[in-house]
Amino acid sequence: MATYLDAILQAHRSAAQADTRNLEQLMDQARLMPAARGFAAALADTTELAVIAEVKRRSPSKGELLANLDPITLAHSYEAGGASCLSVLTDRDYFGGSPEDLASARSAVRLPVLRKDFTVSAHDVCDARLMGADCVLLIAAALDDAELQDFSQLATELGLDALIEIHDEAELDRAVTCTSAALVGVNQRDLETFMVDQARAVRMAAIMPANTIRVAESGVRGQHDARALAAAGYHAVLVGEHLVRSADPAAALAELRVALPESE
């Protein structure tokens, strides 16, 4: 069954095929960028559930989330609430984001930033570094094994962390086989139904490698969800809509920073 991801990926792959920029030159430029801020390290160095707070203008399923969203103001609120990292949508056509949103948000705070987009080429990995991102998203469902491995290795070479997004056991196996699986995110939202399945996230956390930094993505709606995910073994949550639509993003974020189990 076709999913919303299929149409988005088709558009991004078409754009990638039309990209005639010299890859070696892009890589050389990316290597000259200032040192990244250490995205994975920021998630690991905490006794509380870390929050990756998202700058997200709209989504294909919900439409506009916040009229006149200001990335700088929102980033300041997130930092004040104790966010460990930011995530910024840079997809224009489907999410209303842009590289400018990422640059603006990152310049306003000291937090590491994930480029939240649909990485389908080595050019995309280079672009993430060049626009100032500290981490790149690699969606297992969007990439074959060779791409997953190659893009992960390129990210490391360029000084980026890579968040490998998975949905199920088969994709976790691929993440472990094709990458270091140092940073793995479980998307709780079903690609076909858009429904959030926290039980799946709990199940997936239990079978991840012990040294993996575990991130729960999508559908985190408050402290109850945060406590359940922390108890399941997650180190961090990536939260967008809940925070963007909150009247007080800093306070809403602070409520998610629950204590991790002592074994963590």
C-alpha atoms as a PDB file:
ATOM      1  CA  MET A   1       0.000   0.000   0.000  1.00  0.00           C
ATOM      2  CA  ALA A   2       1.295   3.440  -0.930  1.00  0.00           C
ATOM      3  CA  THR A   3       2.102   5.785   1.964  1.00  0.00           C
ATOM      4  CA  TYR A   4       2.550   9.531   2.305  1.00  0.00           C
ATOM      5  CA  LEU A   5       6.273   8.821   2.325  1.00  0.00           C
ATOM      6  CA  ASP A   6       6.184   7.460  -1.228  1.00  0.00           C
ATOM      7  CA  ALA A   7       5.086  10.717  -2.838  1.00  0.00           C
ATOM      8  CA  ILE A   8       7.562  12.758  -0.827  1.00  0.00           C
ATOM      9  CA  LEU A   9      10.421  10.423  -1.687  1.00  0.00           C
ATOM     10  CA  GLN A  10       9.531  10.463  -5.368  1.00  0.00           C
ATOM     11  CA  ALA A  11       9.751  14.251  -5.365  1.00  0.00           C
ATOM     12  CA  HIS A  12      13.080  14.251  -3.508  1.00  0.00           C
ATOM     13  CA  ARG A  13      14.594  11.558  -5.712  1.00  0.00           C
ATOM     14  CA  SER A  14      13.549  13.451  -8.828  1.00  0.00           C
ATOM     15  CA  ALA A  15      15.250  16.549  -7.469  1.00  0.00           C
ATOM     16  CA  ALA A  16      18.364  14.512  -6.622  1.00  0.00           C
ATOM     17  CA  GLN A  17      18.546  13.128 -10.152  1.00  0.00           C
ATOM     18  CA  ALA A  18      18.446  16.655 -11.528  1.00  0.00           C
ATOM     19  CA  ASP A  19      21.229  17.841  -9.198  1.00  0.00           C
ATOM     20  CA  THR A  20      24.324  18.364 -11.344  1.00  0.00           C
ATOM     21  CA  ARG A  21      26.584  19.852  -8.663  1.00  0.00           C
ATOM     22  CA  ASN A  22      30.010  18.291  -8.344  1.00  0.00           C
ATOM     23  CA  LEU A  23      29.930  15.946  -5.347  1.00  0.00           C
ATOM     24  CA  GLU A  24      33.663  16.093  -4.643  1.00  0.00           C
ATOM     25  CA  GLN A  25      33.547  19.875  -4.499  1.00  0.00           C
ATOM     26  CA  LEU A  26      30.590  19.740  -2.099  1.00  0.00           C
ATOM     27  CA  MET A  27      32.445  17.295   0.119  1.00  0.00           C
ATOM     28  CA  ASP A  28      35.523  19.531   0.152  1.00  0.00           C
ATOM     29  CA  GLN A  29      33.365  22.517   1.161  1.00  0.00           C
ATOM     30  CA  ALA A  30      31.641  20.495   3.875  1.00  0.00           C
ATOM     31  CA  ARG A  31      34.975  19.412   5.371  1.00  0.00           C
ATOM     32  CA  LEU A  32      35.878  23.089   5.857  1.00  0.00           C
ATOM     33  CA  MET A  33      32.841  23.817   8.028  1.00  0.00           C
ATOM     34  CA  PRO A  34      33.373  24.610  11.730  1.00  0.00           C
ATOM     35  CA  ALA A  35      33.193  21.667  14.114  1.00  0.00           C
ATOM     36  CA  ALA A  36      29.715  20.326  14.794  1.00  0.00           C
ATOM     37  CA  ARG A  37      28.190  20.691  18.250  1.00  0.00           C
ATOM     38  CA  GLY A  38      27.846  16.991  19.040  1.00  0.00           C
ATOM     39  CA  PHE A  39      24.235  15.916  18.686  1.00  0.00           C
ATOM     40  CA  ALA A  40      24.503  12.357  20.017  1.00  0.00           C
ATOM     41  CA  ALA A  41      26.725  13.448  22.885  1.00  0.00           C
ATOM     42  CA  ALA A  42      24.112  15.982  24.019  1.00  0.00           C
ATOM     43  CA  LEU A  43      21.514  13.216  24.265  1.00  0.00           C
ATOM     44  CA  ALA A  44      23.768  10.846  26.174  1.00  0.00           C
ATOM     45  CA  ASP A  45      25.004  13.343  28.754  1.00  0.00           C
ATOM     46  CA  THR A  46      21.865  13.647  30.897  1.00  0.00           C
ATOM     47  CA  THR A  47      20.096  11.998  33.809  1.00  0.00           C
ATOM     48  CA  GLU A  48      16.735  13.108  32.432  1.00  0.00           C
ATOM     49  CA  LEU A  49      14.852  12.138  29.315  1.00  0.00           C
ATOM     50  CA  ALA A  50      16.427  14.370  26.682  1.00  0.00           C
ATOM     51  CA  VAL A  51      14.111  16.372  24.450  1.00  0.00           C
ATOM     52  CA  ILE A  52      14.812  17.044  20.779  1.00  0.00           C
ATOM     53  CA  ALA A  53      12.473  19.979  20.204  1.00  0.00           C
ATOM     54  CA  GLU A  54      11.266  20.488  16.665  1.00  0.00           C
ATOM     55  CA  VAL A  55      10.772  23.620  14.594  1.00  0.00           C
ATOM     56  CA  LYS A  56       7.912  22.504  12.375  1.00  0.00           C
ATOM     57  CA  ARG A  57       5.627  24.786  10.401  1.00  0.00           C
ATOM     58  CA  ARG A  58       3.172  22.252   9.008  1.00  0.00           C
ATOM     59  CA  SER A  59       2.685  18.593   8.129  1.00  0.00           C
ATOM     60  CA  PRO A  60       0.995  16.741   5.235  1.00  0.00           C
ATOM     61  CA  SER A  61      -1.666  15.353   7.578  1.00  0.00           C
ATOM     62  CA  LYS A  62      -2.340  18.324   9.908  1.00  0.00           C
ATOM     63  CA  GLY A  63      -1.653  21.328   7.694  1.00  0.00           C
ATOM     64  CA  GLU A  64      -0.331  24.518   9.300  1.00  0.00           C
ATOM     65  CA  LEU A  65       0.649  24.041  12.947  1.00  0.00           C
ATOM     66  CA  LEU A  66       1.474  27.614  13.934  1.00  0.00           C
ATOM     67  CA  ALA A  67       0.747  30.747  11.937  1.00  0.00           C
ATOM     68  CA  ASN A  68       3.729  33.060  11.499  1.00  0.00           C
ATOM     69  CA  LEU A  69       6.130  30.659  13.228  1.00  0.00           C
ATOM     70  CA  ASP A  70       9.424  32.413  14.049  1.00  0.00           C
ATOM     71  CA  PRO A  71      12.303  29.893  14.243  1.00  0.00           C
ATOM     72  CA  ILE A  72      14.403  32.205  16.425  1.00  0.00           C
ATOM     73  CA  THR A  73      11.677  32.836  19.002  1.00  0.00           C
ATOM     74  CA  LEU A  74      10.761  29.160  19.120  1.00  0.00           C
ATOM     75  CA  ALA A  75      14.397  28.091  19.457  1.00  0.00           C
ATOM     76  CA  HIS A  76      14.838  30.480  22.394  1.00  0.00           C
ATOM     77  CA  SER A  77      11.742  29.000  24.064  1.00  0.00           C
ATOM     78  CA  TYR A  78      13.033  25.486  23.572  1.00  0.00           C
ATOM     79  CA  GLU A  79      16.427  26.325  25.039  1.00  0.00           C
ATOM     80  CA  ALA A  80      14.763  27.999  28.018  1.00  0.00           C
ATOM     81  CA  GLY A  81      12.691  24.858  28.583  1.00  0.00           C
ATOM     82  CA  GLY A  82      15.795  22.696  28.728  1.00  0.00           C
ATOM     83  CA  ALA A  83      15.905  21.109  25.285  1.00  0.00           C
ATOM     84  CA  SER A  84      19.012  19.030  24.637  1.00  0.00           C
ATOM     85  CA  CYS A  85      18.847  19.471  20.859  1.00  0.00           C
ATOM     86  CA  LEU A  86      16.744  20.994  18.112  1.00  0.00           C
ATOM     87  CA  SER A  87      15.224  19.405  15.034  1.00  0.00           C
ATOM     88  CA  VAL A  88      14.378  21.678  12.112  1.00  0.00           C
ATOM     89  CA  LEU A  89      12.297  20.733   9.077  1.00  0.00           C
ATOM     90  CA  THR A  90      13.951  21.902   5.867  1.00  0.00           C
ATOM     91  CA  ASP A  91      11.530  20.336   3.363  1.00  0.00           C
ATOM     92  CA  ARG A  92       9.725  23.206   1.609  1.00  0.00           C
ATOM     93  CA  ASP A  93       6.947  21.571  -0.406  1.00  0.00           C
ATOM     94  CA  TYR A  94       5.424  19.255   2.194  1.00  0.00           C
ATOM     95  CA  PHE A  95       6.410  20.792   5.532  1.00  0.00           C
ATOM     96  CA  GLY A  96       6.945  24.464   4.728  1.00  0.00           C
ATOM     97  CA  GLY A  97      10.488  24.393   6.088  1.00  0.00           C
ATOM     98  CA  SER A  98      13.762  25.661   4.667  1.00  0.00           C
ATOM     99  CA  PRO A  99      17.520  25.713   5.208  1.00  0.00           C
ATOM    100  CA  GLU A 100      16.995  29.304   6.332  1.00  0.00           C
ATOM    101  CA  ASP A 101      14.810  28.061   9.208  1.00  0.00           C
ATOM    102  CA  LEU A 102      17.638  25.786  10.326  1.00  0.00           C
ATOM    103  CA  ALA A 103      20.278  28.488  10.086  1.00  0.00           C
ATOM    104  CA  SER A 104      18.107  30.983  11.983  1.00  0.00           C
ATOM    105  CA  ALA A 105      17.216  28.568  14.782  1.00  0.00           C
ATOM    106  CA  ARG A 106      20.784  27.327  15.215  1.00  0.00           C
ATOM    107  CA  SER A 107      22.247  30.829  15.296  1.00  0.00           C
ATOM    108  CA  ALA A 108      19.898  31.773  18.142  1.00  0.00           C
ATOM    109  CA  VAL A 109      20.967  29.034  20.578  1.00  0.00           C
ATOM    110  CA  ARG A 110      23.902  26.834  21.566  1.00  0.00           C
ATOM    111  CA  LEU A 111      22.086  23.555  20.970  1.00  0.00           C
ATOM    112  CA  PRO A 112      23.032  20.920  18.375  1.00  0.00           C
ATOM    113  CA  VAL A 113      20.592  20.734  15.469  1.00  0.00           C
ATOM    114  CA  LEU A 114      19.196  17.881  13.384  1.00  0.00           C
ATOM    115  CA  ARG A 115      18.337  18.576   9.773  1.00  0.00           C
ATOM    116  CA  LYS A 116      14.900  16.911   9.542  1.00  0.00           C
ATOM    117  CA  ASP A 117      14.446  16.083   5.877  1.00  0.00           C
ATOM    118  CA  PHE A 118      14.349  13.209   3.419  1.00  0.00           C
ATOM    119  CA  THR A 119      17.957  12.327   2.679  1.00  0.00           C
ATOM    120  CA  VAL A 120      18.163  10.423  -0.612  1.00  0.00           C
ATOM    121  CA  SER A 121      21.610  11.320  -1.977  1.00  0.00           C
ATOM    122  CA  ALA A 122      25.166  12.064  -0.937  1.00  0.00           C
ATOM    123  CA  HIS A 123      24.492  15.646  -2.005  1.00  0.00           C
ATOM    124  CA  ASP A 124      21.810  15.831   0.700  1.00  0.00           C
ATOM    125  CA  VAL A 125      24.302  14.733   3.354  1.00  0.00           C
ATOM    126  CA  CYS A 126      26.746  17.419   2.236  1.00  0.00           C
ATOM    127  CA  ASP A 127      23.982  20.015   2.187  1.00  0.00           C
ATOM    128  CA  ALA A 128      23.093  19.194   5.786  1.00  0.00           C
ATOM    129  CA  ARG A 129      26.661  19.961   6.848  1.00  0.00           C
ATOM    130  CA  LEU A 130      26.871  23.082   4.684  1.00  0.00           C
ATOM    131  CA  MET A 131      23.664  24.597   6.063  1.00  0.00           C
ATOM    132  CA  GLY A 132      25.033  24.167   9.588  1.00  0.00           C
ATOM    133  CA  ALA A 133      23.339  20.991  10.810  1.00  0.00           C
ATOM    134  CA  ASP A 134      25.041  18.821  13.418  1.00  0.00           C
ATOM    135  CA  CYS A 135      23.084  15.664  12.607  1.00  0.00           C
ATOM    136  CA  VAL A 136      21.413  14.216   9.520  1.00  0.00           C
ATOM    137  CA  LEU A 137      18.294  12.021   9.399  1.00  0.00           C
ATOM    138  CA  LEU A 138      18.518   8.707   7.528  1.00  0.00           C
ATOM    139  CA  ILE A 139      15.121   6.985   7.188  1.00  0.00           C
ATOM    140  CA  ALA A 140      15.603   3.237   6.754  1.00  0.00           C
ATOM    141  CA  ALA A 141      12.279   2.891   4.925  1.00  0.00           C
ATOM    142  CA  ALA A 142      13.474   5.414   2.341  1.00  0.00           C
ATOM    143  CA  LEU A 143      16.894   3.910   1.607  1.00  0.00           C
ATOM    144  CA  ASP A 144      18.328   0.624   0.424  1.00  0.00           C
ATOM    145  CA  ASP A 145      21.147  -1.062   2.322  1.00  0.00           C
ATOM    146  CA  ALA A 146      23.912   0.462   0.203  1.00  0.00           C
ATOM    147  CA  GLU A 147      22.510   3.973   0.606  1.00  0.00           C
ATOM    148  CA  LEU A 148      22.038   3.529   4.323  1.00  0.00           C
ATOM    149  CA  GLN A 149      25.635   2.415   4.734  1.00  0.00           C
ATOM    150  CA  ASP A 150      27.153   4.950   2.345  1.00  0.00           C
ATOM    151  CA  PHE A 151      25.279   7.972   3.698  1.00  0.00           C
ATOM    152  CA  SER A 152      26.026   6.988   7.297  1.00  0.00           C
ATOM    153  CA  GLN A 153      29.726   6.686   6.514  1.00  0.00           C
ATOM    154  CA  LEU A 154      29.740   9.987   4.632  1.00  0.00           C
ATOM    155  CA  ALA A 155      28.032  11.728   7.546  1.00  0.00           C
ATOM    156  CA  THR A 156      30.744  10.471   9.894  1.00  0.00           C
ATOM    157  CA  GLU A 157      33.463  11.553   7.490  1.00  0.00           C
ATOM    158  CA  LEU A 158      31.996  15.063   7.361  1.00  0.00           C
ATOM    159  CA  GLY A 159      31.671  15.346  11.127  1.00  0.00           C
ATOM    160  CA  LEU A 160      27.923  14.786  11.333  1.00  0.00           C
ATOM    161  CA  ASP A 161      26.019  12.429  13.604  1.00  0.00           C
ATOM    162  CA  ALA A 162      23.359  10.334  11.859  1.00  0.00           C
ATOM    163  CA  LEU A 163      19.959   9.546  13.359  1.00  0.00           C
ATOM    164  CA  ILE A 164      18.754   6.289  11.795  1.00  0.00           C
ATOM    165  CA  GLU A 165      14.954   6.223  11.782  1.00  0.00           C
ATOM    166  CA  ILE A 166      13.221   2.837  11.892  1.00  0.00           C
ATOM    167  CA  HIS A 167       9.689   1.491  12.299  1.00  0.00           C
ATOM    168  CA  ASP A 168      10.057  -2.232  12.988  1.00  0.00           C
ATOM    169  CA  GLU A 169      12.364  -5.156  13.712  1.00  0.00           C
ATOM    170  CA  ALA A 170      13.416  -5.642  10.088  1.00  0.00           C
ATOM    171  CA  GLU A 171      14.521  -2.028   9.810  1.00  0.00           C
ATOM    172  CA  LEU A 172      16.380  -2.277  13.120  1.00  0.00           C
ATOM    173  CA  ASP A 173      18.289  -5.270  11.744  1.00  0.00           C
ATOM    174  CA  ARG A 174      19.227  -3.204   8.704  1.00  0.00           C
ATOM    175  CA  ALA A 175      20.317  -0.274  10.870  1.00  0.00           C
ATOM    176  CA  VAL A 176      22.585  -2.526  12.918  1.00  0.00           C
ATOM    177  CA  THR A 177      23.989  -4.263   9.834  1.00  0.00           C
ATOM    178  CA  CYS A 178      24.536  -1.168   7.686  1.00  0.00           C
ATOM    179  CA  THR A 179      25.521   1.461  10.270  1.00  0.00           C
ATOM    180  CA  SER A 180      27.051   1.773  13.705  1.00  0.00           C
ATOM    181  CA  ALA A 181      23.498   2.086  15.099  1.00  0.00           C
ATOM    182  CA  ALA A 182      24.899   4.590  17.576  1.00  0.00           C
ATOM    183  CA  LEU A 183      21.761   6.745  17.355  1.00  0.00           C
ATOM    184  CA  VAL A 184      18.444   5.120  16.419  1.00  0.00           C
ATOM    185  CA  GLY A 185      14.994   6.676  16.370  1.00  0.00           C
ATOM    186  CA  VAL A 186      11.753   4.715  16.394  1.00  0.00           C
ATOM    187  CA  ASN A 187       8.946   6.522  14.603  1.00  0.00           C
ATOM    188  CA  GLN A 188       5.808   5.713  16.566  1.00  0.00           C
ATOM    189  CA  ARG A 189       3.542   6.901  13.733  1.00  0.00           C
ATOM    190  CA  ASP A 190       2.371   4.293  11.235  1.00  0.00           C
ATOM    191  CA  LEU A 191       3.252   5.318   7.677  1.00  0.00           C
ATOM    192  CA  GLU A 192      -0.080   4.095   6.288  1.00  0.00           C
ATOM    193  CA  THR A 193      -2.626   5.014   8.972  1.00  0.00           C
ATOM    194  CA  PHE A 194      -0.827   7.922  10.733  1.00  0.00           C
ATOM    195  CA  MET A 195      -1.836   6.284  14.038  1.00  0.00           C
ATOM    196  CA  VAL A 196       0.614   6.400  16.944  1.00  0.00           C
ATOM    197  CA  ASP A 197       1.622   2.994  18.315  1.00  0.00           C
ATOM    198  CA  GLN A 198       3.558   3.421  21.545  1.00  0.00           C
ATOM    199  CA  ALA A 199       3.463  -0.325  22.202  1.00  0.00           C
ATOM    200  CA  ARG A 200       5.653  -0.829  19.162  1.00  0.00           C
ATOM    201  CA  ALA A 201       8.121   1.752  20.416  1.00  0.00           C
ATOM    202  CA  VAL A 202       8.310   0.011  23.786  1.00  0.00           C
ATOM    203  CA  ARG A 203       8.858  -3.338  22.065  1.00  0.00           C
ATOM    204  CA  MET A 204      11.610  -1.952  19.827  1.00  0.00           C
ATOM    205  CA  ALA A 205      13.540  -0.354  22.708  1.00  0.00           C
ATOM    206  CA  ALA A 206      13.932  -3.731  24.404  1.00  0.00           C
ATOM    207  CA  ILE A 207      15.761  -5.267  21.449  1.00  0.00           C
ATOM    208  CA  MET A 208      18.126  -2.442  20.525  1.00  0.00           C
ATOM    209  CA  PRO A 209      21.858  -2.895  21.127  1.00  0.00           C
ATOM    210  CA  ALA A 210      22.933  -1.857  24.616  1.00  0.00           C
ATOM    211  CA  ASN A 211      25.203   0.934  23.359  1.00  0.00           C
ATOM    212  CA  THR A 212      22.540   2.541  21.135  1.00  0.00           C
ATOM    213  CA  ILE A 213      21.170   5.956  22.050  1.00  0.00           C
ATOM    214  CA  ARG A 214      17.431   5.362  21.705  1.00  0.00           C
ATOM    215  CA  VAL A 215      15.068   8.089  20.506  1.00  0.00           C
ATOM    216  CA  ALA A 216      11.258   7.889  20.329  1.00  0.00           C
ATOM    217  CA  GLU A 217       9.793  10.007  17.544  1.00  0.00           C
ATOM    218  CA  SER A 218       6.288  11.315  16.805  1.00  0.00           C
ATOM    219  CA  GLY A 219       3.133  11.276  18.876  1.00  0.00           C
ATOM    220  CA  VAL A 220       4.610  12.321  22.234  1.00  0.00           C
ATOM    221  CA  ARG A 221       1.769  14.320  23.778  1.00  0.00           C
ATOM    222  CA  GLY A 222       2.812  14.987  27.352  1.00  0.00           C
ATOM    223  CA  GLN A 223       4.455  13.824  30.543  1.00  0.00           C
ATOM    224  CA  HIS A 224       2.540  10.524  30.644  1.00  0.00           C
ATOM    225  CA  ASP A 225       4.047   9.511  27.292  1.00  0.00           C
ATOM    226  CA  ALA A 226       7.465  10.750  28.368  1.00  0.00           C
ATOM    227  CA  ARG A 227       7.413   8.632  31.538  1.00  0.00           C
ATOM    228  CA  ALA A 228       6.350   5.521  29.637  1.00  0.00           C
ATOM    229  CA  LEU A 229       9.095   5.938  27.052  1.00  0.00           C
ATOM    230  CA  ALA A 230      11.774   6.666  29.667  1.00  0.00           C
ATOM    231  CA  ALA A 231      10.730   3.530  31.562  1.00  0.00           C
ATOM    232  CA  ALA A 232      10.968   1.528  28.324  1.00  0.00           C
ATOM    233  CA  GLY A 233      14.618   2.520  27.926  1.00  0.00           C
ATOM    234  CA  TYR A 234      14.555   5.569  25.678  1.00  0.00           C
ATOM    235  CA  HIS A 235      17.177   8.244  26.214  1.00  0.00           C
ATOM    236  CA  ALA A 236      15.347  10.939  24.262  1.00  0.00           C
ATOM    237  CA  VAL A 237      12.108  11.954  22.579  1.00  0.00           C
ATOM    238  CA  LEU A 238      11.716  14.021  19.424  1.00  0.00           C
ATOM    239  CA  VAL A 239       8.678  16.260  19.819  1.00  0.00           C
ATOM    240  CA  GLY A 240       7.193  18.668  17.301  1.00  0.00           C
ATOM    241  CA  GLU A 241       3.451  19.264  17.140  1.00  0.00           C
ATOM    242  CA  HIS A 242       2.867  19.071  20.912  1.00  0.00           C
ATOM    243  CA  LEU A 243       5.406  21.829  21.529  1.00  0.00           C
ATOM    244  CA  VAL A 244       4.715  24.008  18.493  1.00  0.00           C
ATOM    245  CA  ARG A 245       1.005  24.197  19.331  1.00  0.00           C
ATOM    246  CA  SER A 246       1.548  24.809  23.036  1.00  0.00           C
ATOM    247  CA  ALA A 247       0.732  28.224  24.474  1.00  0.00           C
ATOM    248  CA  ASP A 248       3.996  27.975  26.430  1.00  0.00           C
ATOM    249  CA  PRO A 249       6.531  25.787  24.574  1.00  0.00           C
ATOM    250  CA  ALA A 250       9.183  26.172  27.290  1.00  0.00           C
ATOM    251  CA  ALA A 251       6.858  24.937  30.027  1.00  0.00           C
ATOM    252  CA  ALA A 252       5.483  22.127  27.871  1.00  0.00           C
ATOM    253  CA  LEU A 253       9.017  20.999  27.111  1.00  0.00           C
ATOM    254  CA  ALA A 254      10.131  21.145  30.745  1.00  0.00           C
ATOM    255  CA  GLU A 255       7.320  18.728  31.670  1.00  0.00           C
ATOM    256  CA  LEU A 256       8.798  16.110  29.321  1.00  0.00           C
ATOM    257  CA  ARG A 257      12.188  16.077  31.045  1.00  0.00           C
ATOM    258  CA  VAL A 258      11.381  13.224  33.397  1.00  0.00           C
ATOM    259  CA  ALA A 259      14.067  11.333  35.304  1.00  0.00           C
ATOM    260  CA  LEU A 260      15.591   8.331  33.595  1.00  0.00           C
ATOM    261  CA  PRO A 261      15.681   4.997  35.437  1.00  0.00           C
ATOM    262  CA  GLU A 262      18.807   4.712  37.567  1.00  0.00           C
ATOM    263  CA  SER A 263      20.162   1.892  35.405  1.00  0.00           C
ATOM    264  CA  GLU A 264      20.481   4.367  32.560  1.00  0.00           C
END
